[in-house]
Amino acid sequence: MATEPPARHWVKSSYSGNGGSCVEWAPHTASTTGTVPVRDSKNPTGPTLNVTATAFSSFVSGVKAGGFRAV
């Protein structure tokens, strides 16, 4: 009998308070699945993109380093 996956704990950026386009991620799943689910915070029942933990970590490092400046 298949078991249900654990509930995801979604996290939103602290910069999301402005009501703009934001994403949420569920970082705690990386330790069990090797992926980080990402979704549109305005559409929580919509599709989820699963990114490898390594790729997500590289993305976050790039953002912190200023590699993705808004235009």
C-alpha atoms as a PDB file:
ATOM      1  CA  MET A   1       0.000   0.000   0.000  1.00  0.00           C
ATOM      2  CA  ALA A   2       1.397   3.404  -1.001  1.00  0.00           C
ATOM      3  CA  THR A   3       1.794   6.056   1.654  1.00  0.00           C
ATOM      4  CA  GLU A   4       1.033   9.719   1.230  1.00  0.00           C
ATOM      5  CA  PRO A   5       4.065  12.011   0.971  1.00  0.00           C
ATOM      6  CA  PRO A   6       4.540  14.307   3.971  1.00  0.00           C
ATOM      7  CA  ALA A   7       2.926  17.735   3.799  1.00  0.00           C
ATOM      8  CA  ARG A   8       5.227  20.349   2.319  1.00  0.00           C
ATOM      9  CA  HIS A   9       6.218  23.355   4.365  1.00  0.00           C
ATOM     10  CA  TRP A  10       6.253  26.213   1.852  1.00  0.00           C
ATOM     11  CA  VAL A  11       8.587  29.171   2.409  1.00  0.00           C
ATOM     12  CA  LYS A  12       8.254  32.616   0.855  1.00  0.00           C
ATOM     13  CA  SER A  13      11.015  35.181   0.545  1.00  0.00           C
ATOM     14  CA  SER A  14      11.114  37.904   3.183  1.00  0.00           C
ATOM     15  CA  TYR A  15      11.130  40.316   0.224  1.00  0.00           C
ATOM     16  CA  SER A  16       7.646  39.140  -0.814  1.00  0.00           C
ATOM     17  CA  GLY A  17       5.743  41.634   1.316  1.00  0.00           C
ATOM     18  CA  ASN A  18       5.316  44.039  -1.593  1.00  0.00           C
ATOM     19  CA  GLY A  19       2.555  42.023  -3.310  1.00  0.00           C
ATOM     20  CA  GLY A  20       4.627  41.490  -6.442  1.00  0.00           C
ATOM     21  CA  SER A  21       5.448  38.349  -8.378  1.00  0.00           C
ATOM     22  CA  CYS A  22       6.793  35.877  -5.858  1.00  0.00           C
ATOM     23  CA  VAL A  23       7.701  32.245  -5.639  1.00  0.00           C
ATOM     24  CA  GLU A  24       7.568  29.811  -2.749  1.00  0.00           C
ATOM     25  CA  TRP A  25       9.743  26.779  -2.215  1.00  0.00           C
ATOM     26  CA  ALA A  26       9.681  23.752   0.066  1.00  0.00           C
ATOM     27  CA  PRO A  27      13.337  23.350   1.069  1.00  0.00           C
ATOM     28  CA  HIS A  28      12.765  20.606   3.637  1.00  0.00           C
ATOM     29  CA  THR A  29      11.955  18.060   0.922  1.00  0.00           C
ATOM     30  CA  ALA A  30      15.516  18.188  -0.429  1.00  0.00           C
ATOM     31  CA  SER A  31      16.841  15.827   2.223  1.00  0.00           C
ATOM     32  CA  THR A  32      14.341  13.088   1.341  1.00  0.00           C
ATOM     33  CA  THR A  33      13.784  13.610  -2.392  1.00  0.00           C
ATOM     34  CA  GLY A  34      16.885  15.454  -3.641  1.00  0.00           C
ATOM     35  CA  THR A  35      14.631  18.119  -5.166  1.00  0.00           C
ATOM     36  CA  VAL A  36      13.258  21.485  -4.087  1.00  0.00           C
ATOM     37  CA  PRO A  37       9.667  22.136  -5.206  1.00  0.00           C
ATOM     38  CA  VAL A  38       8.996  25.694  -6.402  1.00  0.00           C
ATOM     39  CA  ARG A  39       5.591  27.273  -7.095  1.00  0.00           C
ATOM     40  CA  ASP A  40       3.914  30.598  -7.852  1.00  0.00           C
ATOM     41  CA  SER A  41       2.787  32.095  -4.541  1.00  0.00           C
ATOM     42  CA  LYS A  42      -0.276  33.616  -6.223  1.00  0.00           C
ATOM     43  CA  ASN A  43      -1.389  30.195  -7.495  1.00  0.00           C
ATOM     44  CA  PRO A  44      -0.644  27.680  -4.705  1.00  0.00           C
ATOM     45  CA  THR A  45      -2.813  24.974  -6.277  1.00  0.00           C
ATOM     46  CA  GLY A  46      -1.142  25.380  -9.660  1.00  0.00           C
ATOM     47  CA  PRO A  47       1.828  23.470 -11.058  1.00  0.00           C
ATOM     48  CA  THR A  48       5.014  22.856  -9.102  1.00  0.00           C
ATOM     49  CA  LEU A  49       8.485  22.852 -10.616  1.00  0.00           C
ATOM     50  CA  ASN A  50      10.888  20.379  -8.980  1.00  0.00           C
ATOM     51  CA  VAL A  51      14.482  21.625  -9.127  1.00  0.00           C
ATOM     52  CA  THR A  52      17.447  19.513  -8.054  1.00  0.00           C
ATOM     53  CA  ALA A  53      18.825  20.577  -4.688  1.00  0.00           C
ATOM     54  CA  THR A  54      22.203  21.300  -6.291  1.00  0.00           C
ATOM     55  CA  ALA A  55      20.691  23.564  -8.960  1.00  0.00           C
ATOM     56  CA  PHE A  56      18.566  25.391  -6.391  1.00  0.00           C
ATOM     57  CA  SER A  57      21.593  25.953  -4.162  1.00  0.00           C
ATOM     58  CA  SER A  58      23.547  27.365  -7.123  1.00  0.00           C
ATOM     59  CA  PHE A  59      20.633  29.661  -7.982  1.00  0.00           C
ATOM     60  CA  VAL A  60      20.411  30.999  -4.410  1.00  0.00           C
ATOM     61  CA  SER A  61      24.183  31.570  -4.330  1.00  0.00           C
ATOM     62  CA  GLY A  62      23.933  33.488  -7.608  1.00  0.00           C
ATOM     63  CA  VAL A  63      21.120  35.684  -6.274  1.00  0.00           C
ATOM     64  CA  LYS A  64      23.076  36.445  -3.096  1.00  0.00           C
ATOM     65  CA  ALA A  65      26.105  37.358  -5.204  1.00  0.00           C
ATOM     66  CA  GLY A  66      24.005  39.865  -7.186  1.00  0.00           C
ATOM     67  CA  GLY A  67      23.934  37.839 -10.388  1.00  0.00           C
ATOM     68  CA  PHE A  68      20.225  38.413 -11.037  1.00  0.00           C
ATOM     69  CA  ARG A  69      19.582  42.128 -10.779  1.00  0.00           C
ATOM     70  CA  ALA A  70      16.098  43.405 -11.681  1.00  0.00           C
ATOM     71  CA  VAL A  71      15.919  45.573 -14.755  1.00  0.00           C
END
